[in-house]
Amino acid sequence: MNALLKHRLTWPVLALVLLLVLNQLFRSDFLSVRVQDGHLYGSLIDILRNGAPTILIALGMTLVIASRGIDLSVGAVAAIAGAVSCTYIYNSPDPSSLRTASVGVAIAVVAGLVLGLWNGFLVSVIGIQPIIATLVLMTAGRGLAQLVTDGQIISVSNDSYQAIGAGFFLGLPISILIAAAAFGVAGLLTRRTALGTLIEAVGINPVASRLAGLSARSIIWTVYVFSGLCAAIAGLMISSNVTAADANNAGLYIEMDAILAVVIGGTSLAGGRYSLVGTLVGALIIQTLTTTVYTLGIPPEVTLVFKALVVIVVCLLQSSKARDLLRRRKRPVAQQSGVKVAV
């Protein structure tokens, strides 16, 4: 039992279960899933679909943090991806065709890869601190997205493009399937090959790993490119879901949600140890919190405070020192009985 309580995923999973139970108490149909026109609908499906962008970005963020880095630019990269794809589709001679949507998606993916390469270059080659290197793109990225859209919200009408964020395949939302596929590929590459071990080695001690013959520069570059790719796909999901590119608001603060998801999942901010499953649980907690806010009727102005309080509680429960403090009890002094012998 003690080993179970000490496992890093126990408390996040319990927190997620408690949030779901809380929502069920306020809405009797919260956990129900129904089939309509061959598609699955329900609050649980909505949590997975709406949380897909956060899951994707948190997935890339996990590997970046495991390499002892951070990527604050993912929200801006998502905005740029949505901006370039929607702008291309809008200005295309045939804006409703599958080919146009495919090219728009390809442009967005390439943009994400290039921006990931840029971040990796600044961190691994130039040697700039990750928080500063990615802060540059976080600040300038939204400006770039607004330049692409000319400061306007670009609306498109393309069924193929809309399917990315709002379509269904085999009864499930396509966004969920994309996130699941990305999660599966990342899991196979990091746990079934040496890549995961190399990332942990670089995160634990980059100097020692370099002296041992590992190419720390290439590994760091790889994780930032992967983070940019995940952010670009998430940006496509966000923009296609509303069939519009909003350079100012798309992906706003999603980097904070991603970092919180990674931390809740048990990944160390000091680098090295990481958990993809924990990140998935953390992202679901973040999205379920948002749903809980609406279910409980909490005013929007205190939403961030409510989310922060829940995250703090989960993190404290994960801390071994905090749990020891909660379990500490005054031990009764054992009474020893003795017999006095009179001489």
C-alpha atoms as a PDB file:
ATOM      1  CA  MET A   1       0.000   0.000   0.000  1.00  0.00           C
ATOM      2  CA  ASN A   2       2.822   2.394   0.902  1.00  0.00           C
ATOM      3  CA  ALA A   3       4.544   1.631  -2.390  1.00  0.00           C
ATOM      4  CA  LEU A   4       1.331   2.467  -4.249  1.00  0.00           C
ATOM      5  CA  LEU A   5       0.932   5.768  -2.415  1.00  0.00           C
ATOM      6  CA  LYS A   6       4.528   6.675  -3.186  1.00  0.00           C
ATOM      7  CA  HIS A   7       4.130   6.023  -6.922  1.00  0.00           C
ATOM      8  CA  ARG A   8       4.346   9.295  -8.835  1.00  0.00           C
ATOM      9  CA  LEU A   9       1.153   8.609 -10.826  1.00  0.00           C
ATOM     10  CA  THR A  10      -1.071   7.651  -7.884  1.00  0.00           C
ATOM     11  CA  TRP A  11      -2.056  11.133  -6.777  1.00  0.00           C
ATOM     12  CA  PRO A  12      -2.582  12.598 -10.274  1.00  0.00           C
ATOM     13  CA  VAL A  13      -4.834   9.655 -11.179  1.00  0.00           C
ATOM     14  CA  LEU A  14      -6.767  10.056  -7.918  1.00  0.00           C
ATOM     15  CA  ALA A  15      -7.148  13.784  -8.587  1.00  0.00           C
ATOM     16  CA  LEU A  16      -8.509  13.056 -12.069  1.00  0.00           C
ATOM     17  CA  VAL A  17     -10.962  10.482 -10.695  1.00  0.00           C
ATOM     18  CA  LEU A  18     -12.137  12.891  -7.984  1.00  0.00           C
ATOM     19  CA  LEU A  19     -12.736  15.630 -10.563  1.00  0.00           C
ATOM     20  CA  LEU A  20     -14.797  13.251 -12.690  1.00  0.00           C
ATOM     21  CA  VAL A  21     -16.818  12.131  -9.648  1.00  0.00           C
ATOM     22  CA  LEU A  22     -17.384  15.767  -8.649  1.00  0.00           C
ATOM     23  CA  ASN A  23     -18.745  16.556 -12.099  1.00  0.00           C
ATOM     24  CA  GLN A  24     -20.953  13.473 -11.978  1.00  0.00           C
ATOM     25  CA  LEU A  25     -22.454  14.634  -8.669  1.00  0.00           C
ATOM     26  CA  PHE A  26     -23.478  17.942 -10.237  1.00  0.00           C
ATOM     27  CA  ARG A  27     -24.515  16.458 -13.591  1.00  0.00           C
ATOM     28  CA  SER A  28     -26.011  12.990 -13.563  1.00  0.00           C
ATOM     29  CA  ASP A  29     -25.263  12.426 -17.255  1.00  0.00           C
ATOM     30  CA  PHE A  30     -21.651  13.619 -17.122  1.00  0.00           C
ATOM     31  CA  LEU A  31     -20.078  10.167 -17.501  1.00  0.00           C
ATOM     32  CA  SER A  32     -22.561   8.948 -20.074  1.00  0.00           C
ATOM     33  CA  VAL A  33     -21.491   8.479 -23.691  1.00  0.00           C
ATOM     34  CA  ARG A  34     -24.086   8.309 -26.449  1.00  0.00           C
ATOM     35  CA  VAL A  35     -23.942   7.343 -30.111  1.00  0.00           C
ATOM     36  CA  GLN A  36     -25.511   9.757 -32.562  1.00  0.00           C
ATOM     37  CA  ASP A  37     -25.251   9.377 -36.356  1.00  0.00           C
ATOM     38  CA  GLY A  38     -22.494   6.835 -35.777  1.00  0.00           C
ATOM     39  CA  HIS A  39     -20.396   9.279 -33.727  1.00  0.00           C
ATOM     40  CA  LEU A  40     -19.598   9.250 -30.016  1.00  0.00           C
ATOM     41  CA  TYR A  41     -20.742  12.239 -27.976  1.00  0.00           C
ATOM     42  CA  GLY A  42     -20.626  13.132 -24.293  1.00  0.00           C
ATOM     43  CA  SER A  43     -18.685  15.132 -21.735  1.00  0.00           C
ATOM     44  CA  LEU A  44     -15.869  12.576 -21.619  1.00  0.00           C
ATOM     45  CA  ILE A  45     -15.495  12.749 -25.395  1.00  0.00           C
ATOM     46  CA  ASP A  46     -15.498  16.561 -25.193  1.00  0.00           C
ATOM     47  CA  ILE A  47     -12.710  16.473 -22.597  1.00  0.00           C
ATOM     48  CA  LEU A  48     -10.576  14.276 -24.839  1.00  0.00           C
ATOM     49  CA  ARG A  49     -11.316  16.289 -27.983  1.00  0.00           C
ATOM     50  CA  ASN A  50     -10.826  19.721 -26.422  1.00  0.00           C
ATOM     51  CA  GLY A  51      -7.769  18.490 -24.544  1.00  0.00           C
ATOM     52  CA  ALA A  52      -6.085  17.055 -27.662  1.00  0.00           C
ATOM     53  CA  PRO A  53      -4.081  20.249 -28.434  1.00  0.00           C
ATOM     54  CA  THR A  54      -2.878  20.446 -24.827  1.00  0.00           C
ATOM     55  CA  ILE A  55      -1.957  16.750 -24.874  1.00  0.00           C
ATOM     56  CA  LEU A  56       0.078  17.217 -28.053  1.00  0.00           C
ATOM     57  CA  ILE A  57       1.925  20.286 -26.830  1.00  0.00           C
ATOM     58  CA  ALA A  58       2.536  18.727 -23.410  1.00  0.00           C
ATOM     59  CA  LEU A  59       3.953  15.661 -25.164  1.00  0.00           C
ATOM     60  CA  GLY A  60       6.588  17.750 -26.910  1.00  0.00           C
ATOM     61  CA  MET A  61       7.167  19.792 -23.759  1.00  0.00           C
ATOM     62  CA  THR A  62       7.876  16.607 -21.783  1.00  0.00           C
ATOM     63  CA  LEU A  63      10.868  15.687 -23.913  1.00  0.00           C
ATOM     64  CA  VAL A  64      12.151  19.273 -23.901  1.00  0.00           C
ATOM     65  CA  ILE A  65      11.952  19.466 -20.101  1.00  0.00           C
ATOM     66  CA  ALA A  66      13.535  16.010 -19.813  1.00  0.00           C
ATOM     67  CA  SER A  67      16.545  17.407 -21.701  1.00  0.00           C
ATOM     68  CA  ARG A  68      16.812  20.160 -19.065  1.00  0.00           C
ATOM     69  CA  GLY A  69      15.111  22.764 -21.250  1.00  0.00           C
ATOM     70  CA  ILE A  70      11.831  24.620 -21.587  1.00  0.00           C
ATOM     71  CA  ASP A  71       9.805  25.805 -24.578  1.00  0.00           C
ATOM     72  CA  LEU A  72       7.710  28.900 -23.968  1.00  0.00           C
ATOM     73  CA  SER A  73       7.074  29.467 -27.677  1.00  0.00           C
ATOM     74  CA  VAL A  74       4.628  26.599 -28.311  1.00  0.00           C
ATOM     75  CA  GLY A  75       1.552  28.842 -28.090  1.00  0.00           C
ATOM     76  CA  ALA A  76       3.031  31.267 -30.618  1.00  0.00           C
ATOM     77  CA  VAL A  77       4.045  28.378 -32.903  1.00  0.00           C
ATOM     78  CA  ALA A  78       0.467  27.073 -32.763  1.00  0.00           C
ATOM     79  CA  ALA A  79      -0.816  30.531 -33.714  1.00  0.00           C
ATOM     80  CA  ILE A  80       1.637  30.778 -36.611  1.00  0.00           C
ATOM     81  CA  ALA A  81       0.676  27.313 -37.886  1.00  0.00           C
ATOM     82  CA  GLY A  82      -3.014  28.204 -37.892  1.00  0.00           C
ATOM     83  CA  ALA A  83      -2.281  31.576 -39.497  1.00  0.00           C
ATOM     84  CA  VAL A  84      -0.212  30.279 -42.419  1.00  0.00           C
ATOM     85  CA  SER A  85      -2.567  27.395 -43.195  1.00  0.00           C
ATOM     86  CA  CYS A  86      -5.771  29.468 -43.084  1.00  0.00           C
ATOM     87  CA  THR A  87      -4.201  32.333 -45.017  1.00  0.00           C
ATOM     88  CA  TYR A  88      -3.095  29.965 -47.773  1.00  0.00           C
ATOM     89  CA  ILE A  89      -6.522  28.319 -47.967  1.00  0.00           C
ATOM     90  CA  TYR A  90      -8.288  31.708 -47.963  1.00  0.00           C
ATOM     91  CA  ASN A  91      -6.143  33.084 -50.795  1.00  0.00           C
ATOM     92  CA  SER A  92      -6.194  29.882 -52.829  1.00  0.00           C
ATOM     93  CA  PRO A  93      -8.080  29.803 -56.177  1.00  0.00           C
ATOM     94  CA  ASP A  94      -9.951  26.724 -54.932  1.00  0.00           C
ATOM     95  CA  PRO A  95     -10.331  27.245 -51.160  1.00  0.00           C
ATOM     96  CA  SER A  96     -12.721  24.327 -50.605  1.00  0.00           C
ATOM     97  CA  SER A  97     -10.717  21.500 -52.195  1.00  0.00           C
ATOM     98  CA  LEU A  98      -8.872  18.680 -50.456  1.00  0.00           C
ATOM     99  CA  ARG A  99      -5.664  19.547 -52.277  1.00  0.00           C
ATOM    100  CA  THR A 100      -5.750  23.106 -50.946  1.00  0.00           C
ATOM    101  CA  ALA A 101      -6.306  21.841 -47.401  1.00  0.00           C
ATOM    102  CA  SER A 102      -3.437  19.358 -47.757  1.00  0.00           C
ATOM    103  CA  VAL A 103      -1.029  22.037 -48.941  1.00  0.00           C
ATOM    104  CA  GLY A 104      -2.131  24.350 -46.129  1.00  0.00           C
ATOM    105  CA  VAL A 105      -1.512  21.617 -43.570  1.00  0.00           C
ATOM    106  CA  ALA A 106       1.899  20.862 -45.096  1.00  0.00           C
ATOM    107  CA  ILE A 107       2.890  24.538 -44.926  1.00  0.00           C
ATOM    108  CA  ALA A 108       1.892  24.679 -41.256  1.00  0.00           C
ATOM    109  CA  VAL A 109       3.861  21.522 -40.412  1.00  0.00           C
ATOM    110  CA  VAL A 110       6.955  22.834 -42.200  1.00  0.00           C
ATOM    111  CA  ALA A 111       6.603  26.138 -40.345  1.00  0.00           C
ATOM    112  CA  GLY A 112       6.495  24.252 -37.020  1.00  0.00           C
ATOM    113  CA  LEU A 113       9.593  22.238 -37.932  1.00  0.00           C
ATOM    114  CA  VAL A 114      11.500  25.368 -38.986  1.00  0.00           C
ATOM    115  CA  LEU A 115      10.583  27.195 -35.776  1.00  0.00           C
ATOM    116  CA  GLY A 116      11.602  24.142 -33.760  1.00  0.00           C
ATOM    117  CA  LEU A 117      14.926  24.119 -35.620  1.00  0.00           C
ATOM    118  CA  TRP A 118      15.363  27.791 -34.744  1.00  0.00           C
ATOM    119  CA  ASN A 119      14.778  27.165 -31.039  1.00  0.00           C
ATOM    120  CA  GLY A 120      17.111  24.177 -31.092  1.00  0.00           C
ATOM    121  CA  PHE A 121      19.772  26.234 -32.863  1.00  0.00           C
ATOM    122  CA  LEU A 122      19.635  29.001 -30.254  1.00  0.00           C
ATOM    123  CA  VAL A 123      19.799  26.533 -27.355  1.00  0.00           C
ATOM    124  CA  SER A 124      22.191  23.841 -28.588  1.00  0.00           C
ATOM    125  CA  VAL A 125      24.497  25.764 -30.933  1.00  0.00           C
ATOM    126  CA  ILE A 126      24.506  29.371 -29.713  1.00  0.00           C
ATOM    127  CA  GLY A 127      24.183  28.280 -26.076  1.00  0.00           C
ATOM    128  CA  ILE A 128      21.393  30.660 -25.041  1.00  0.00           C
ATOM    129  CA  GLN A 129      19.425  29.644 -21.967  1.00  0.00           C
ATOM    130  CA  PRO A 130      16.250  27.784 -23.085  1.00  0.00           C
ATOM    131  CA  ILE A 131      13.872  30.096 -21.235  1.00  0.00           C
ATOM    132  CA  ILE A 132      15.412  33.141 -22.973  1.00  0.00           C
ATOM    133  CA  ALA A 133      15.751  31.508 -26.394  1.00  0.00           C
ATOM    134  CA  THR A 134      12.123  30.408 -26.520  1.00  0.00           C
ATOM    135  CA  LEU A 135      10.888  33.632 -24.919  1.00  0.00           C
ATOM    136  CA  VAL A 136      12.139  35.426 -28.028  1.00  0.00           C
ATOM    137  CA  LEU A 137       9.849  33.396 -30.277  1.00  0.00           C
ATOM    138  CA  MET A 138       7.024  33.518 -27.720  1.00  0.00           C
ATOM    139  CA  THR A 139       7.112  37.326 -27.942  1.00  0.00           C
ATOM    140  CA  ALA A 140       7.800  37.704 -31.657  1.00  0.00           C
ATOM    141  CA  GLY A 141       5.754  34.710 -32.795  1.00  0.00           C
ATOM    142  CA  ARG A 142       2.349  36.271 -32.327  1.00  0.00           C
ATOM    143  CA  GLY A 143       3.577  39.341 -34.132  1.00  0.00           C
ATOM    144  CA  LEU A 144       4.610  37.117 -37.037  1.00  0.00           C
ATOM    145  CA  ALA A 145       1.202  35.436 -36.989  1.00  0.00           C
ATOM    146  CA  GLN A 146      -0.527  38.818 -37.081  1.00  0.00           C
ATOM    147  CA  LEU A 147       1.687  39.891 -39.976  1.00  0.00           C
ATOM    148  CA  VAL A 148       0.624  36.766 -41.882  1.00  0.00           C
ATOM    149  CA  THR A 149      -3.066  37.450 -41.252  1.00  0.00           C
ATOM    150  CA  ASP A 150      -2.685  41.229 -41.580  1.00  0.00           C
ATOM    151  CA  GLY A 151      -4.130  41.573 -38.093  1.00  0.00           C
ATOM    152  CA  GLN A 152      -7.448  40.049 -39.156  1.00  0.00           C
ATOM    153  CA  ILE A 153      -9.300  36.869 -38.194  1.00  0.00           C
ATOM    154  CA  ILE A 154      -9.073  34.720 -41.322  1.00  0.00           C
ATOM    155  CA  SER A 155     -12.133  32.494 -41.766  1.00  0.00           C
ATOM    156  CA  VAL A 156     -12.093  29.578 -44.203  1.00  0.00           C
ATOM    157  CA  SER A 157     -14.688  27.195 -45.586  1.00  0.00           C
ATOM    158  CA  ASN A 158     -13.051  23.849 -46.241  1.00  0.00           C
ATOM    159  CA  ASP A 159     -14.626  20.621 -45.025  1.00  0.00           C
ATOM    160  CA  SER A 160     -11.371  18.668 -45.285  1.00  0.00           C
ATOM    161  CA  TYR A 161      -9.531  21.216 -43.162  1.00  0.00           C
ATOM    162  CA  GLN A 162     -12.362  21.437 -40.639  1.00  0.00           C
ATOM    163  CA  ALA A 163     -12.252  17.654 -40.182  1.00  0.00           C
ATOM    164  CA  ILE A 164      -8.871  17.921 -38.403  1.00  0.00           C
ATOM    165  CA  GLY A 165     -10.397  19.554 -35.344  1.00  0.00           C
ATOM    166  CA  ALA A 166     -14.099  18.811 -35.698  1.00  0.00           C
ATOM    167  CA  GLY A 167     -14.347  15.675 -37.855  1.00  0.00           C
ATOM    168  CA  PHE A 168     -14.907  12.030 -36.926  1.00  0.00           C
ATOM    169  CA  PHE A 169     -13.372   8.749 -38.010  1.00  0.00           C
ATOM    170  CA  LEU A 170     -14.670   5.361 -36.857  1.00  0.00           C
ATOM    171  CA  GLY A 171     -16.982   7.178 -34.446  1.00  0.00           C
ATOM    172  CA  LEU A 172     -14.183   9.064 -32.667  1.00  0.00           C
ATOM    173  CA  PRO A 173     -13.084  12.679 -33.141  1.00  0.00           C
ATOM    174  CA  ILE A 174     -10.093  12.864 -35.485  1.00  0.00           C
ATOM    175  CA  SER A 175      -8.245  15.152 -33.070  1.00  0.00           C
ATOM    176  CA  ILE A 176      -8.290  12.390 -30.442  1.00  0.00           C
ATOM    177  CA  LEU A 177      -6.932   9.875 -32.936  1.00  0.00           C
ATOM    178  CA  ILE A 178      -4.139  12.257 -33.990  1.00  0.00           C
ATOM    179  CA  ALA A 179      -3.135  12.860 -30.363  1.00  0.00           C
ATOM    180  CA  ALA A 180      -3.245   9.117 -29.634  1.00  0.00           C
ATOM    181  CA  ALA A 181      -1.093   8.363 -32.688  1.00  0.00           C
ATOM    182  CA  ALA A 182       1.475  10.996 -31.697  1.00  0.00           C
ATOM    183  CA  PHE A 183       1.515   9.669 -28.144  1.00  0.00           C
ATOM    184  CA  GLY A 184       2.013   6.108 -29.400  1.00  0.00           C
ATOM    185  CA  VAL A 185       4.848   7.053 -31.764  1.00  0.00           C
ATOM    186  CA  ALA A 186       6.610   9.079 -29.046  1.00  0.00           C
ATOM    187  CA  GLY A 187       6.221   6.205 -26.603  1.00  0.00           C
ATOM    188  CA  LEU A 188       7.690   3.682 -29.036  1.00  0.00           C
ATOM    189  CA  LEU A 189      10.618   5.913 -29.977  1.00  0.00           C
ATOM    190  CA  THR A 190      11.538   6.836 -26.408  1.00  0.00           C
ATOM    191  CA  ARG A 191      10.854   3.552 -24.615  1.00  0.00           C
ATOM    192  CA  ARG A 192      11.605   0.939 -27.283  1.00  0.00           C
ATOM    193  CA  THR A 193      14.771   2.580 -28.610  1.00  0.00           C
ATOM    194  CA  ALA A 194      17.791   4.226 -27.021  1.00  0.00           C
ATOM    195  CA  LEU A 195      16.404   7.714 -27.649  1.00  0.00           C
ATOM    196  CA  GLY A 196      14.599   7.943 -24.305  1.00  0.00           C
ATOM    197  CA  THR A 197      17.723   6.905 -22.410  1.00  0.00           C
ATOM    198  CA  LEU A 198      19.828   9.420 -24.326  1.00  0.00           C
ATOM    199  CA  ILE A 199      17.370  12.229 -23.537  1.00  0.00           C
ATOM    200  CA  GLU A 200      17.455  11.318 -19.844  1.00  0.00           C
ATOM    201  CA  ALA A 201      21.259  11.159 -19.875  1.00  0.00           C
ATOM    202  CA  VAL A 202      21.539  14.617 -21.422  1.00  0.00           C
ATOM    203  CA  GLY A 203      18.974  15.986 -18.981  1.00  0.00           C
ATOM    204  CA  ILE A 204      20.684  14.522 -15.922  1.00  0.00           C
ATOM    205  CA  ASN A 205      24.186  15.707 -16.821  1.00  0.00           C
ATOM    206  CA  PRO A 206      24.845  17.174 -20.279  1.00  0.00           C
ATOM    207  CA  VAL A 207      28.569  17.588 -19.608  1.00  0.00           C
ATOM    208  CA  ALA A 208      29.067  13.981 -18.536  1.00  0.00           C
ATOM    209  CA  SER A 209      26.985  12.707 -21.456  1.00  0.00           C
ATOM    210  CA  ARG A 210      29.101  14.727 -23.884  1.00  0.00           C
ATOM    211  CA  LEU A 211      32.309  13.380 -22.355  1.00  0.00           C
ATOM    212  CA  ALA A 212      30.865   9.888 -22.691  1.00  0.00           C
ATOM    213  CA  GLY A 213      30.570  10.402 -26.435  1.00  0.00           C
ATOM    214  CA  LEU A 214      26.884  11.343 -26.712  1.00  0.00           C
ATOM    215  CA  SER A 215      25.922  14.077 -29.154  1.00  0.00           C
ATOM    216  CA  ALA A 216      24.046  16.265 -26.681  1.00  0.00           C
ATOM    217  CA  ARG A 217      23.661  18.988 -29.297  1.00  0.00           C
ATOM    218  CA  SER A 218      21.817  16.681 -31.720  1.00  0.00           C
ATOM    219  CA  ILE A 219      19.534  15.313 -29.004  1.00  0.00           C
ATOM    220  CA  ILE A 220      18.603  18.793 -27.764  1.00  0.00           C
ATOM    221  CA  TRP A 221      17.981  19.909 -31.323  1.00  0.00           C
ATOM    222  CA  THR A 222      15.752  16.871 -31.907  1.00  0.00           C
ATOM    223  CA  VAL A 223      13.490  17.499 -28.906  1.00  0.00           C
ATOM    224  CA  TYR A 224      12.945  21.147 -29.861  1.00  0.00           C
ATOM    225  CA  VAL A 225      12.073  20.170 -33.434  1.00  0.00           C
ATOM    226  CA  PHE A 226       9.614  17.597 -32.075  1.00  0.00           C
ATOM    227  CA  SER A 227       8.109  20.232 -29.785  1.00  0.00           C
ATOM    228  CA  GLY A 228       7.659  22.575 -32.752  1.00  0.00           C
ATOM    229  CA  LEU A 229       5.992  19.793 -34.744  1.00  0.00           C
ATOM    230  CA  CYS A 230       3.568  19.024 -31.916  1.00  0.00           C
ATOM    231  CA  ALA A 231       2.755  22.720 -31.508  1.00  0.00           C
ATOM    232  CA  ALA A 232       2.086  23.086 -35.236  1.00  0.00           C
ATOM    233  CA  ILE A 233      -0.318  20.126 -35.282  1.00  0.00           C
ATOM    234  CA  ALA A 234      -2.036  21.511 -32.185  1.00  0.00           C
ATOM    235  CA  GLY A 235      -2.376  24.861 -33.966  1.00  0.00           C
ATOM    236  CA  LEU A 236      -4.035  23.108 -36.905  1.00  0.00           C
ATOM    237  CA  MET A 237      -6.495  21.479 -34.493  1.00  0.00           C
ATOM    238  CA  ILE A 238      -7.314  24.804 -32.842  1.00  0.00           C
ATOM    239  CA  SER A 239      -7.818  26.729 -36.084  1.00  0.00           C
ATOM    240  CA  SER A 240      -9.688  23.948 -37.908  1.00  0.00           C
ATOM    241  CA  ASN A 241     -12.062  23.487 -34.994  1.00  0.00           C
ATOM    242  CA  VAL A 242     -13.336  27.038 -35.466  1.00  0.00           C
ATOM    243  CA  THR A 243     -12.431  27.209 -39.195  1.00  0.00           C
ATOM    244  CA  ALA A 244     -10.548  30.429 -38.559  1.00  0.00           C
ATOM    245  CA  ALA A 245      -7.122  31.741 -37.626  1.00  0.00           C
ATOM    246  CA  ASP A 246      -7.038  34.151 -34.693  1.00  0.00           C
ATOM    247  CA  ALA A 247      -3.384  35.145 -34.370  1.00  0.00           C
ATOM    248  CA  ASN A 248      -4.002  37.027 -31.128  1.00  0.00           C
ATOM    249  CA  ASN A 249      -5.883  34.371 -29.156  1.00  0.00           C
ATOM    250  CA  ALA A 250      -5.097  30.973 -30.697  1.00  0.00           C
ATOM    251  CA  GLY A 251      -3.066  28.915 -28.243  1.00  0.00           C
ATOM    252  CA  LEU A 252      -2.919  31.758 -25.735  1.00  0.00           C
ATOM    253  CA  TYR A 253      -1.404  30.519 -22.427  1.00  0.00           C
ATOM    254  CA  ILE A 254      -1.401  26.930 -23.702  1.00  0.00           C
ATOM    255  CA  GLU A 255       2.318  26.746 -22.889  1.00  0.00           C
ATOM    256  CA  MET A 256       1.433  27.256 -19.226  1.00  0.00           C
ATOM    257  CA  ASP A 257      -1.139  24.460 -19.330  1.00  0.00           C
ATOM    258  CA  ALA A 258       1.415  22.202 -21.011  1.00  0.00           C
ATOM    259  CA  ILE A 259       4.081  22.893 -18.393  1.00  0.00           C
ATOM    260  CA  LEU A 260       1.553  22.294 -15.604  1.00  0.00           C
ATOM    261  CA  ALA A 261       0.520  19.011 -17.217  1.00  0.00           C
ATOM    262  CA  VAL A 262       4.145  17.892 -17.409  1.00  0.00           C
ATOM    263  CA  VAL A 263       4.829  18.818 -13.779  1.00  0.00           C
ATOM    264  CA  ILE A 264       1.624  17.192 -12.504  1.00  0.00           C
ATOM    265  CA  GLY A 265       2.605  14.050 -14.406  1.00  0.00           C
ATOM    266  CA  GLY A 266       5.785  13.720 -12.386  1.00  0.00           C
ATOM    267  CA  THR A 267       8.421  14.900 -14.868  1.00  0.00           C
ATOM    268  CA  SER A 268      11.293  16.648 -13.123  1.00  0.00           C
ATOM    269  CA  LEU A 269      11.891  20.264 -14.151  1.00  0.00           C
ATOM    270  CA  ALA A 270      15.565  19.627 -13.373  1.00  0.00           C
ATOM    271  CA  GLY A 271      15.717  17.290 -16.368  1.00  0.00           C
ATOM    272  CA  GLY A 272      16.302  13.579 -16.731  1.00  0.00           C
ATOM    273  CA  ARG A 273      13.340  11.701 -15.327  1.00  0.00           C
ATOM    274  CA  TYR A 274      10.119  11.959 -17.306  1.00  0.00           C
ATOM    275  CA  SER A 275       6.796  10.184 -17.760  1.00  0.00           C
ATOM    276  CA  LEU A 276       4.724  10.315 -20.929  1.00  0.00           C
ATOM    277  CA  VAL A 277       1.793   8.571 -19.235  1.00  0.00           C
ATOM    278  CA  GLY A 278       2.009  11.074 -16.392  1.00  0.00           C
ATOM    279  CA  THR A 279       1.925  13.923 -18.895  1.00  0.00           C
ATOM    280  CA  LEU A 280      -1.220  12.449 -20.458  1.00  0.00           C
ATOM    281  CA  VAL A 281      -2.881  12.274 -17.029  1.00  0.00           C
ATOM    282  CA  GLY A 282      -1.761  15.824 -16.257  1.00  0.00           C
ATOM    283  CA  ALA A 283      -3.187  17.174 -19.514  1.00  0.00           C
ATOM    284  CA  LEU A 284      -6.497  15.428 -18.836  1.00  0.00           C
ATOM    285  CA  ILE A 285      -6.566  16.973 -15.350  1.00  0.00           C
ATOM    286  CA  ILE A 286      -6.052  20.456 -16.834  1.00  0.00           C
ATOM    287  CA  GLN A 287      -8.849  19.968 -19.371  1.00  0.00           C
ATOM    288  CA  THR A 288     -11.174  18.376 -16.796  1.00  0.00           C
ATOM    289  CA  LEU A 289     -10.566  21.371 -14.530  1.00  0.00           C
ATOM    290  CA  THR A 290     -11.796  23.661 -17.285  1.00  0.00           C
ATOM    291  CA  THR A 291     -14.894  21.521 -17.724  1.00  0.00           C
ATOM    292  CA  THR A 292     -15.438  21.458 -13.952  1.00  0.00           C
ATOM    293  CA  VAL A 293     -15.370  25.255 -13.851  1.00  0.00           C
ATOM    294  CA  TYR A 294     -18.295  25.381 -16.284  1.00  0.00           C
ATOM    295  CA  THR A 295     -20.121  22.549 -14.525  1.00  0.00           C
ATOM    296  CA  LEU A 296     -19.904  24.188 -11.098  1.00  0.00           C
ATOM    297  CA  GLY A 297     -20.803  27.610 -12.467  1.00  0.00           C
ATOM    298  CA  ILE A 298     -17.601  29.213 -11.199  1.00  0.00           C
ATOM    299  CA  PRO A 299     -17.300  32.835 -12.421  1.00  0.00           C
ATOM    300  CA  PRO A 300     -14.816  33.185 -15.301  1.00  0.00           C
ATOM    301  CA  GLU A 301     -12.761  35.787 -13.436  1.00  0.00           C
ATOM    302  CA  VAL A 302     -11.751  33.232 -10.768  1.00  0.00           C
ATOM    303  CA  THR A 303     -11.195  30.320 -13.149  1.00  0.00           C
ATOM    304  CA  LEU A 304      -7.413  30.654 -13.156  1.00  0.00           C
ATOM    305  CA  VAL A 305      -7.343  30.882  -9.359  1.00  0.00           C
ATOM    306  CA  PHE A 306      -9.453  27.718  -9.085  1.00  0.00           C
ATOM    307  CA  LYS A 307      -7.152  25.853 -11.477  1.00  0.00           C
ATOM    308  CA  ALA A 308      -4.079  27.061  -9.616  1.00  0.00           C
ATOM    309  CA  LEU A 309      -5.429  25.849  -6.269  1.00  0.00           C
ATOM    310  CA  VAL A 310      -6.175  22.375  -7.599  1.00  0.00           C
ATOM    311  CA  VAL A 311      -2.755  22.134  -9.252  1.00  0.00           C
ATOM    312  CA  ILE A 312      -1.034  23.218  -6.018  1.00  0.00           C
ATOM    313  CA  VAL A 313      -2.906  20.536  -4.051  1.00  0.00           C
ATOM    314  CA  VAL A 314      -1.957  17.821  -6.548  1.00  0.00           C
ATOM    315  CA  CYS A 315       1.693  18.890  -6.532  1.00  0.00           C
ATOM    316  CA  LEU A 316       1.765  18.939  -2.734  1.00  0.00           C
ATOM    317  CA  LEU A 317       0.295  15.441  -2.604  1.00  0.00           C
ATOM    318  CA  GLN A 318       3.036  14.295  -4.977  1.00  0.00           C
ATOM    319  CA  SER A 319       5.735  15.721  -2.731  1.00  0.00           C
ATOM    320  CA  SER A 320       7.129  13.110  -0.348  1.00  0.00           C
ATOM    321  CA  LYS A 321       8.030  15.805   2.194  1.00  0.00           C
ATOM    322  CA  ALA A 322       4.494  17.225   2.142  1.00  0.00           C
ATOM    323  CA  ARG A 323       2.983  13.748   2.574  1.00  0.00           C
ATOM    324  CA  ASP A 324       5.315  13.018   5.490  1.00  0.00           C
ATOM    325  CA  LEU A 325       4.215  16.266   7.106  1.00  0.00           C
ATOM    326  CA  LEU A 326       0.539  15.329   6.713  1.00  0.00           C
ATOM    327  CA  ARG A 327       1.110  11.871   8.152  1.00  0.00           C
ATOM    328  CA  ARG A 328       3.164  13.079  11.075  1.00  0.00           C
ATOM    329  CA  ARG A 329       1.508  12.297  14.350  1.00  0.00           C
ATOM    330  CA  LYS A 330       2.612  12.687  17.878  1.00  0.00           C
ATOM    331  CA  ARG A 331       3.694   9.294  19.004  1.00  0.00           C
ATOM    332  CA  PRO A 332       2.503   8.425  22.465  1.00  0.00           C
ATOM    333  CA  VAL A 333       5.321   7.861  24.869  1.00  0.00           C
ATOM    334  CA  ALA A 334       5.438   4.215  25.771  1.00  0.00           C
ATOM    335  CA  GLN A 335       4.802   3.668  29.449  1.00  0.00           C
ATOM    336  CA  GLN A 336       7.196   1.220  30.965  1.00  0.00           C
ATOM    337  CA  SER A 337       6.065  -0.439  34.168  1.00  0.00           C
ATOM    338  CA  GLY A 338       8.661  -1.313  36.760  1.00  0.00           C
ATOM    339  CA  VAL A 339       8.687  -2.912  40.157  1.00  0.00           C
ATOM    340  CA  LYS A 340      10.468  -1.185  42.936  1.00  0.00           C
ATOM    341  CA  VAL A 341      12.268  -3.544  45.242  1.00  0.00           C
ATOM    342  CA  ALA A 342      12.673  -2.336  48.800  1.00  0.00           C
ATOM    343  CA  VAL A 343      15.948  -3.292  50.381  1.00  0.00           C
END
